[in-house]
Amino acid sequence: MTGLSTILIVVGLFLAGGVYSFSRQGMPRGVIVLLAVASAMCLVAGVMRIQGIWE
């Protein structure tokens, strides 16, 4: 596991926590969708780097 993969996964999980928190607070749906997309992109990029698909 490389350092960048670790950072991407940690940021993705942090953003996923933000999605959960913002949805519980009743924030606007656009903000929640934006955070969810960013979280998914970070997590997928981190996993792809671990698997060696994207270097």
PDB file of N, CA and C in Angstrom:
ATOM      1  N   MET A   1       0.862  -1.179   0.000  1.00  0.00           N
ATOM      2  CA  MET A   1       0.000   0.000   0.000  1.00  0.00           C
ATOM      3  C   MET A   1       0.899   1.230   0.000  1.00  0.00           C
ATOM      4  N   THR A   2       0.629   2.127  -0.899  1.00  0.00           N
ATOM      5  CA  THR A   2       1.426   3.346  -0.980  1.00  0.00           C
ATOM      6  C   THR A   2       0.839   4.440  -0.110  1.00  0.00           C
ATOM      7  N   GLY A   3       1.619   5.478   0.084  1.00  0.00           N
ATOM      8  CA  GLY A   3       1.158   6.588   0.912  1.00  0.00           C
ATOM      9  C   GLY A   3      -0.037   7.307   0.322  1.00  0.00           C
ATOM     10  N   LEU A   4      -0.012   7.505  -1.015  1.00  0.00           N
ATOM     11  CA  LEU A   4      -1.123   8.202  -1.653  1.00  0.00           C
ATOM     12  C   LEU A   4      -2.414   7.395  -1.560  1.00  0.00           C
ATOM     13  N   SER A   5      -2.319   6.081  -1.690  1.00  0.00           N
ATOM     14  CA  SER A   5      -3.513   5.238  -1.554  1.00  0.00           C
ATOM     15  C   SER A   5      -4.115   5.377  -0.165  1.00  0.00           C
ATOM     16  N   THR A   6      -3.254   5.391   0.836  1.00  0.00           N
ATOM     17  CA  THR A   6      -3.723   5.537   2.214  1.00  0.00           C
ATOM     18  C   THR A   6      -4.417   6.875   2.409  1.00  0.00           C
ATOM     19  N   ILE A   7      -3.814   7.928   1.878  1.00  0.00           N
ATOM     20  CA  ILE A   7      -4.401   9.264   2.024  1.00  0.00           C
ATOM     21  C   ILE A   7      -5.757   9.330   1.322  1.00  0.00           C
ATOM     22  N   LEU A   8      -5.852   8.772   0.109  1.00  0.00           N
ATOM     23  CA  LEU A   8      -7.119   8.798  -0.619  1.00  0.00           C
ATOM     24  C   LEU A   8      -8.210   8.055   0.135  1.00  0.00           C
ATOM     25  N   ILE A   9      -7.881   6.910   0.713  1.00  0.00           N
ATOM     26  CA  ILE A   9      -8.881   6.129   1.447  1.00  0.00           C
ATOM     27  C   ILE A   9      -9.304   6.857   2.718  1.00  0.00           C
ATOM     28  N   VAL A  10      -8.348   7.455   3.426  1.00  0.00           N
ATOM     29  CA  VAL A  10      -8.686   8.189   4.653  1.00  0.00           C
ATOM     30  C   VAL A  10      -9.562   9.398   4.335  1.00  0.00           C
ATOM     31  N   VAL A  11      -9.222  10.136   3.283  1.00  0.00           N
ATOM     32  CA  VAL A  11     -10.042  11.294   2.893  1.00  0.00           C
ATOM     33  C   VAL A  11     -11.432  10.831   2.468  1.00  0.00           C
ATOM     34  N   GLY A  12     -11.513   9.715   1.726  1.00  0.00           N
ATOM     35  CA  GLY A  12     -12.811   9.181   1.318  1.00  0.00           C
ATOM     36  C   GLY A  12     -13.681   8.808   2.510  1.00  0.00           C
ATOM     37  N   LEU A  13     -13.072   8.180   3.504  1.00  0.00           N
ATOM     38  CA  LEU A  13     -13.835   7.818   4.709  1.00  0.00           C
ATOM     39  C   LEU A  13     -14.248   9.053   5.504  1.00  0.00           C
ATOM     40  N   PHE A  14     -13.371  10.067   5.545  1.00  0.00           N
ATOM     41  CA  PHE A  14     -13.706  11.320   6.217  1.00  0.00           C
ATOM     42  C   PHE A  14     -14.902  11.989   5.543  1.00  0.00           C
ATOM     43  N   LEU A  15     -14.886  12.014   4.207  1.00  0.00           N
ATOM     44  CA  LEU A  15     -16.006  12.610   3.472  1.00  0.00           C
ATOM     45  C   LEU A  15     -17.287  11.796   3.644  1.00  0.00           C
ATOM     46  N   ALA A  16     -17.146  10.465   3.737  1.00  0.00           N
ATOM     47  CA  ALA A  16     -18.328   9.622   3.969  1.00  0.00           C
ATOM     48  C   ALA A  16     -18.947   9.946   5.329  1.00  0.00           C
ATOM     49  N   GLY A  17     -18.105  10.194   6.318  1.00  0.00           N
ATOM     50  CA  GLY A  17     -18.618  10.618   7.622  1.00  0.00           C
ATOM     51  C   GLY A  17     -19.320  11.961   7.537  1.00  0.00           C
ATOM     52  N   GLY A  18     -18.806  12.854   6.694  1.00  0.00           N
ATOM     53  CA  GLY A  18     -19.455  14.148   6.481  1.00  0.00           C
ATOM     54  C   GLY A  18     -20.817  13.989   5.836  1.00  0.00           C
ATOM     55  N   VAL A  19     -20.921  13.046   4.902  1.00  0.00           N
ATOM     56  CA  VAL A  19     -22.218  12.781   4.259  1.00  0.00           C
ATOM     57  C   VAL A  19     -23.223  12.341   5.308  1.00  0.00           C
ATOM     58  N   TYR A  20     -22.819  11.423   6.166  1.00  0.00           N
ATOM     59  CA  TYR A  20     -23.716  10.925   7.215  1.00  0.00           C
ATOM     60  C   TYR A  20     -24.119  12.058   8.153  1.00  0.00           C
ATOM     61  N   SER A  21     -23.156  12.853   8.577  1.00  0.00           N
ATOM     62  CA  SER A  21     -23.435  13.941   9.511  1.00  0.00           C
ATOM     63  C   SER A  21     -24.351  14.993   8.884  1.00  0.00           C
ATOM     64  N   PHE A  22     -24.036  15.384   7.637  1.00  0.00           N
ATOM     65  CA  PHE A  22     -24.845  16.409   6.990  1.00  0.00           C
ATOM     66  C   PHE A  22     -26.260  15.929   6.709  1.00  0.00           C
ATOM     67  N   SER A  23     -26.418  14.650   6.390  1.00  0.00           N
ATOM     68  CA  SER A  23     -27.768  14.142   6.134  1.00  0.00           C
ATOM     69  C   SER A  23     -28.588  14.114   7.418  1.00  0.00           C
ATOM     70  N   ARG A  24     -27.936  13.854   8.549  1.00  0.00           N
ATOM     71  CA  ARG A  24     -28.657  13.861   9.831  1.00  0.00           C
ATOM     72  C   ARG A  24     -29.037  15.281  10.257  1.00  0.00           C
ATOM     73  N   GLN A  25     -28.260  16.269   9.817  1.00  0.00           N
ATOM     74  CA  GLN A  25     -28.531  17.663  10.180  1.00  0.00           C
ATOM     75  C   GLN A  25     -29.542  18.322   9.249  1.00  0.00           C
ATOM     76  N   GLY A  26     -29.888  17.660   8.154  1.00  0.00           N
ATOM     77  CA  GLY A  26     -30.856  18.219   7.224  1.00  0.00           C
ATOM     78  C   GLY A  26     -30.270  19.268   6.297  1.00  0.00           C
ATOM     79  N   MET A  27     -29.006  19.108   5.939  1.00  0.00           N
ATOM     80  CA  MET A  27     -28.360  20.045   5.012  1.00  0.00           C
ATOM     81  C   MET A  27     -28.980  19.904   3.624  1.00  0.00           C
ATOM     82  N   PRO A  28     -28.749  20.874   2.755  1.00  0.00           N
ATOM     83  CA  PRO A  28     -29.294  20.798   1.394  1.00  0.00           C
ATOM     84  C   PRO A  28     -28.805  19.548   0.654  1.00  0.00           C
ATOM     85  N   ARG A  29     -29.677  19.005  -0.158  1.00  0.00           N
ATOM     86  CA  ARG A  29     -29.379  17.760  -0.854  1.00  0.00           C
ATOM     87  C   ARG A  29     -28.182  17.894  -1.794  1.00  0.00           C
ATOM     88  N   GLY A  30     -27.986  19.052  -2.394  1.00  0.00           N
ATOM     89  CA  GLY A  30     -26.865  19.270  -3.302  1.00  0.00           C
ATOM     90  C   GLY A  30     -25.519  19.099  -2.608  1.00  0.00           C
ATOM     91  N   VAL A  31     -25.411  19.591  -1.376  1.00  0.00           N
ATOM     92  CA  VAL A  31     -24.174  19.449  -0.610  1.00  0.00           C
ATOM     93  C   VAL A  31     -23.923  17.978  -0.285  1.00  0.00           C
ATOM     94  N   ILE A  32     -24.961  17.273   0.083  1.00  0.00           N
ATOM     95  CA  ILE A  32     -24.825  15.854   0.425  1.00  0.00           C
ATOM     96  C   ILE A  32     -24.403  15.050  -0.799  1.00  0.00           C
ATOM     97  N   VAL A  33     -25.004  15.328  -1.948  1.00  0.00           N
ATOM     98  CA  VAL A  33     -24.644  14.619  -3.181  1.00  0.00           C
ATOM     99  C   VAL A  33     -23.203  14.917  -3.565  1.00  0.00           C
ATOM    100  N   LEU A  34     -22.788  16.166  -3.458  1.00  0.00           N
ATOM    101  CA  LEU A  34     -21.419  16.537  -3.788  1.00  0.00           C
ATOM    102  C   LEU A  34     -20.417  15.804  -2.905  1.00  0.00           C
ATOM    103  N   LEU A  35     -20.681  15.762  -1.605  1.00  0.00           N
ATOM    104  CA  LEU A  35     -19.798  15.041  -0.693  1.00  0.00           C
ATOM    105  C   LEU A  35     -19.802  13.542  -0.969  1.00  0.00           C
ATOM    106  N   ALA A  36     -20.948  12.983  -1.310  1.00  0.00           N
ATOM    107  CA  ALA A  36     -21.029  11.552  -1.593  1.00  0.00           C
ATOM    108  C   ALA A  36     -20.221  11.202  -2.840  1.00  0.00           C
ATOM    109  N   VAL A  37     -20.302  12.033  -3.871  1.00  0.00           N
ATOM    110  CA  VAL A  37     -19.540  11.790  -5.100  1.00  0.00           C
ATOM    111  C   VAL A  37     -18.039  11.912  -4.823  1.00  0.00           C
ATOM    112  N   ALA A  38     -17.653  12.933  -4.088  1.00  0.00           N
ATOM    113  CA  ALA A  38     -16.236  13.113  -3.766  1.00  0.00           C
ATOM    114  C   ALA A  38     -15.716  11.945  -2.936  1.00  0.00           C
ATOM    115  N   SER A  39     -16.513  11.484  -1.992  1.00  0.00           N
ATOM    116  CA  SER A  39     -16.120  10.347  -1.164  1.00  0.00           C
ATOM    117  C   SER A  39     -15.943   9.091  -2.005  1.00  0.00           C
ATOM    118  N   ALA A  40     -16.883   8.827  -2.884  1.00  0.00           N
ATOM    119  CA  ALA A  40     -16.792   7.643  -3.735  1.00  0.00           C
ATOM    120  C   ALA A  40     -15.580   7.719  -4.647  1.00  0.00           C
ATOM    121  N   MET A  41     -15.297   8.897  -5.204  1.00  0.00           N
ATOM    122  CA  MET A  41     -14.143   9.042  -6.088  1.00  0.00           C
ATOM    123  C   MET A  41     -12.834   8.793  -5.344  1.00  0.00           C
ATOM    124  N   CYS A  42     -12.710   9.318  -4.126  1.00  0.00           N
ATOM    125  CA  CYS A  42     -11.494   9.103  -3.349  1.00  0.00           C
ATOM    126  C   CYS A  42     -11.323   7.635  -2.989  1.00  0.00           C
ATOM    127  N   LEU A  43     -12.389   6.993  -2.553  1.00  0.00           N
ATOM    128  CA  LEU A  43     -12.290   5.583  -2.173  1.00  0.00           C
ATOM    129  C   LEU A  43     -11.949   4.700  -3.365  1.00  0.00           C
ATOM    130  N   VAL A  44     -12.584   4.942  -4.500  1.00  0.00           N
ATOM    131  CA  VAL A  44     -12.310   4.135  -5.695  1.00  0.00           C
ATOM    132  C   VAL A  44     -10.875   4.356  -6.168  1.00  0.00           C
ATOM    133  N   ALA A  45     -10.414   5.605  -6.176  1.00  0.00           N
ATOM    134  CA  ALA A  45      -9.045   5.885  -6.607  1.00  0.00           C
ATOM    135  C   ALA A  45      -8.033   5.217  -5.679  1.00  0.00           C
ATOM    136  N   GLY A  46      -8.288   5.241  -4.377  1.00  0.00           N
ATOM    137  CA  GLY A  46      -7.380   4.589  -3.433  1.00  0.00           C
ATOM    138  C   GLY A  46      -7.325   3.090  -3.626  1.00  0.00           C
ATOM    139  N   VAL A  47      -8.461   2.466  -3.823  1.00  0.00           N
ATOM    140  CA  VAL A  47      -8.502   1.011  -4.031  1.00  0.00           C
ATOM    141  C   VAL A  47      -7.861   0.646  -5.366  1.00  0.00           C
ATOM    142  N   MET A  48      -8.098   1.450  -6.390  1.00  0.00           N
ATOM    143  CA  MET A  48      -7.489   1.161  -7.692  1.00  0.00           C
ATOM    144  C   MET A  48      -5.971   1.257  -7.627  1.00  0.00           C
ATOM    145  N   ARG A  49      -5.457   2.204  -6.844  1.00  0.00           N
ATOM    146  CA  ARG A  49      -4.001   2.300  -6.692  1.00  0.00           C
ATOM    147  C   ARG A  49      -3.453   1.108  -5.922  1.00  0.00           C
ATOM    148  N   ILE A  50      -4.180   0.620  -4.943  1.00  0.00           N
ATOM    149  CA  ILE A  50      -3.721  -0.556  -4.195  1.00  0.00           C
ATOM    150  C   ILE A  50      -3.672  -1.777  -5.109  1.00  0.00           C
ATOM    151  N   GLN A  51      -4.673  -1.923  -5.966  1.00  0.00           N
ATOM    152  CA  GLN A  51      -4.751  -3.080  -6.867  1.00  0.00           C
ATOM    153  C   GLN A  51      -3.779  -2.964  -8.027  1.00  0.00           C
ATOM    154  N   GLY A  52      -3.196  -1.789  -8.237  1.00  0.00           N
ATOM    155  CA  GLY A  52      -2.252  -1.605  -9.322  1.00  0.00           C
ATOM    156  C   GLY A  52      -2.897  -1.313 -10.658  1.00  0.00           C
ATOM    157  N   ILE A  53      -4.203  -1.028 -10.656  1.00  0.00           N
ATOM    158  CA  ILE A  53      -4.912  -0.735 -11.904  1.00  0.00           C
ATOM    159  C   ILE A  53      -4.548   0.659 -12.386  1.00  0.00           C
ATOM    160  N   TRP A  54      -4.441   1.590 -11.475  1.00  0.00           N
ATOM    161  CA  TRP A  54      -4.152   2.979 -11.817  1.00  0.00           C
ATOM    162  C   TRP A  54      -2.893   3.394 -11.088  1.00  0.00           C
ATOM    163  N   GLU A  55      -1.843   3.711 -11.823  1.00  0.00           N
ATOM    164  CA  GLU A  55      -0.578   4.065 -11.173  1.00  0.00           C
ATOM    165  C   GLU A  55      -0.106   5.418 -11.597  1.00  0.00           C
TER     166      GLU A  55
END
